[in-house]
Amino acid sequence: MKVVNVAQAVADLEQLLAEVEAGEEVLIQRDGTTVARLSRYINRKPGILRQYPEWENFQYDPSIFAPLMTDDDLRAEGYDV
């Protein structure tokens, strides 16, 4: 990960963007404190997973969030705790 100050970022923006397009991340700092991160933009379309076979049979499993739920919450959802 490359680290540059604001003045360098302004002066070398074209070069930094080329590096970001190549997969590098760039941190921009002011007075030693990071104020921004340049990273590659990924354009994702909502619902893209629906193109896969068997999507209609997908079953949401709330137990994947079990560490975020209390035992009472899990019991209310029908899980044996």
C-alpha atoms as a PDB file:
ATOM      1  CA  MET A   1       0.000   0.000   0.000  1.00  0.00           C
ATOM      2  CA  LYS A   2       1.413   3.309  -1.078  1.00  0.00           C
ATOM      3  CA  VAL A   3       1.283   6.336   1.238  1.00  0.00           C
ATOM      4  CA  VAL A   4       1.498   9.895  -0.108  1.00  0.00           C
ATOM      5  CA  ASN A   5       0.840  13.345   1.279  1.00  0.00           C
ATOM      6  CA  VAL A   6      -1.838  15.658  -0.121  1.00  0.00           C
ATOM      7  CA  ALA A   7       0.608  17.735  -2.178  1.00  0.00           C
ATOM      8  CA  GLN A   8       2.017  14.593  -3.816  1.00  0.00           C
ATOM      9  CA  ALA A   9      -1.487  13.301  -4.510  1.00  0.00           C
ATOM     10  CA  VAL A  10      -2.473  16.533  -6.244  1.00  0.00           C
ATOM     11  CA  ALA A  11       0.714  16.657  -8.288  1.00  0.00           C
ATOM     12  CA  ASP A  12       0.723  12.963  -9.266  1.00  0.00           C
ATOM     13  CA  LEU A  13      -2.993  12.199  -9.513  1.00  0.00           C
ATOM     14  CA  GLU A  14      -2.794  10.646 -12.996  1.00  0.00           C
ATOM     15  CA  GLN A  15      -0.008   8.293 -11.905  1.00  0.00           C
ATOM     16  CA  LEU A  16      -1.824   7.381  -8.686  1.00  0.00           C
ATOM     17  CA  LEU A  17      -5.005   6.594 -10.613  1.00  0.00           C
ATOM     18  CA  ALA A  18      -3.036   4.338 -12.958  1.00  0.00           C
ATOM     19  CA  GLU A  19      -1.626   2.492  -9.943  1.00  0.00           C
ATOM     20  CA  VAL A  20      -5.090   2.142  -8.433  1.00  0.00           C
ATOM     21  CA  GLU A  21      -6.410   0.738 -11.715  1.00  0.00           C
ATOM     22  CA  ALA A  22      -3.608  -1.825 -11.531  1.00  0.00           C
ATOM     23  CA  GLY A  23      -4.872  -2.943  -8.109  1.00  0.00           C
ATOM     24  CA  GLU A  24      -2.750  -0.868  -5.709  1.00  0.00           C
ATOM     25  CA  GLU A  25      -4.319   1.017  -2.811  1.00  0.00           C
ATOM     26  CA  VAL A  26      -3.084   4.508  -1.981  1.00  0.00           C
ATOM     27  CA  LEU A  27      -3.408   6.280   1.365  1.00  0.00           C
ATOM     28  CA  ILE A  28      -3.398  10.067   1.328  1.00  0.00           C
ATOM     29  CA  GLN A  29      -2.133  11.734   4.487  1.00  0.00           C
ATOM     30  CA  ARG A  30      -2.174  15.260   5.831  1.00  0.00           C
ATOM     31  CA  ASP A  31       0.312  16.014   8.621  1.00  0.00           C
ATOM     32  CA  GLY A  32       0.890  12.275   9.150  1.00  0.00           C
ATOM     33  CA  THR A  33      -2.817  11.470   9.536  1.00  0.00           C
ATOM     34  CA  THR A  34      -4.601   9.428   6.896  1.00  0.00           C
ATOM     35  CA  VAL A  35      -7.482  11.417   5.418  1.00  0.00           C
ATOM     36  CA  ALA A  36      -8.395   9.334   2.352  1.00  0.00           C
ATOM     37  CA  ARG A  37      -7.887   6.013   0.653  1.00  0.00           C
ATOM     38  CA  LEU A  38      -7.882   5.486  -3.084  1.00  0.00           C
ATOM     39  CA  SER A  39      -8.985   2.007  -4.103  1.00  0.00           C
ATOM     40  CA  ARG A  40     -10.363   0.411  -7.198  1.00  0.00           C
ATOM     41  CA  TYR A  41     -14.103   0.849  -7.756  1.00  0.00           C
ATOM     42  CA  ILE A  42     -16.083  -2.322  -8.348  1.00  0.00           C
ATOM     43  CA  ASN A  43     -19.434  -1.851 -10.032  1.00  0.00           C
ATOM     44  CA  ARG A  44     -21.834  -4.424  -8.620  1.00  0.00           C
ATOM     45  CA  LYS A  45     -25.413  -4.790  -9.723  1.00  0.00           C
ATOM     46  CA  PRO A  46     -28.065  -5.520  -7.086  1.00  0.00           C
ATOM     47  CA  GLY A  47     -29.533  -8.988  -7.302  1.00  0.00           C
ATOM     48  CA  ILE A  48     -26.691 -10.450  -9.338  1.00  0.00           C
ATOM     49  CA  LEU A  49     -26.823 -13.709  -7.344  1.00  0.00           C
ATOM     50  CA  ARG A  50     -30.284 -14.381  -8.737  1.00  0.00           C
ATOM     51  CA  GLN A  51     -28.718 -15.456 -12.018  1.00  0.00           C
ATOM     52  CA  TYR A  52     -27.379 -18.663 -10.461  1.00  0.00           C
ATOM     53  CA  PRO A  53     -29.306 -21.946 -10.635  1.00  0.00           C
ATOM     54  CA  GLU A  54     -31.243 -22.979  -7.557  1.00  0.00           C
ATOM     55  CA  TRP A  55     -31.582 -19.371  -6.373  1.00  0.00           C
ATOM     56  CA  GLU A  56     -35.295 -19.942  -5.849  1.00  0.00           C
ATOM     57  CA  ASN A  57     -34.469 -22.678  -3.308  1.00  0.00           C
ATOM     58  CA  PHE A  58     -32.255 -20.427  -1.163  1.00  0.00           C
ATOM     59  CA  GLN A  59     -33.185 -20.622   2.507  1.00  0.00           C
ATOM     60  CA  TYR A  60     -32.101 -17.843   4.836  1.00  0.00           C
ATOM     61  CA  ASP A  61     -30.563 -19.282   8.000  1.00  0.00           C
ATOM     62  CA  PRO A  62     -30.679 -16.819  10.911  1.00  0.00           C
ATOM     63  CA  SER A  63     -28.303 -19.017  12.917  1.00  0.00           C
ATOM     64  CA  ILE A  64     -25.402 -17.430  11.024  1.00  0.00           C
ATOM     65  CA  PHE A  65     -26.082 -14.385  13.196  1.00  0.00           C
ATOM     66  CA  ALA A  66     -26.272 -16.473  16.371  1.00  0.00           C
ATOM     67  CA  PRO A  67     -23.308 -14.737  18.040  1.00  0.00           C
ATOM     68  CA  LEU A  68     -25.224 -11.468  17.642  1.00  0.00           C
ATOM     69  CA  MET A  69     -28.377 -12.862  19.238  1.00  0.00           C
ATOM     70  CA  THR A  70     -29.100 -13.680  22.861  1.00  0.00           C
ATOM     71  CA  ASP A  71     -30.269 -17.126  23.957  1.00  0.00           C
ATOM     72  CA  ASP A  72     -33.787 -15.737  24.394  1.00  0.00           C
ATOM     73  CA  ASP A  73     -33.739 -14.401  20.837  1.00  0.00           C
ATOM     74  CA  LEU A  74     -32.621 -17.788  19.529  1.00  0.00           C
ATOM     75  CA  ARG A  75     -35.345 -19.585  21.492  1.00  0.00           C
ATOM     76  CA  ALA A  76     -37.929 -17.160  20.092  1.00  0.00           C
ATOM     77  CA  GLU A  77     -36.712 -18.129  16.599  1.00  0.00           C
ATOM     78  CA  GLY A  78     -37.253 -21.813  17.424  1.00  0.00           C
ATOM     79  CA  TYR A  79     -33.678 -22.897  18.091  1.00  0.00           C
ATOM     80  CA  ASP A  80     -32.778 -25.206  20.982  1.00  0.00           C
ATOM     81  CA  VAL A  81     -30.218 -23.442  23.137  1.00  0.00           C
END
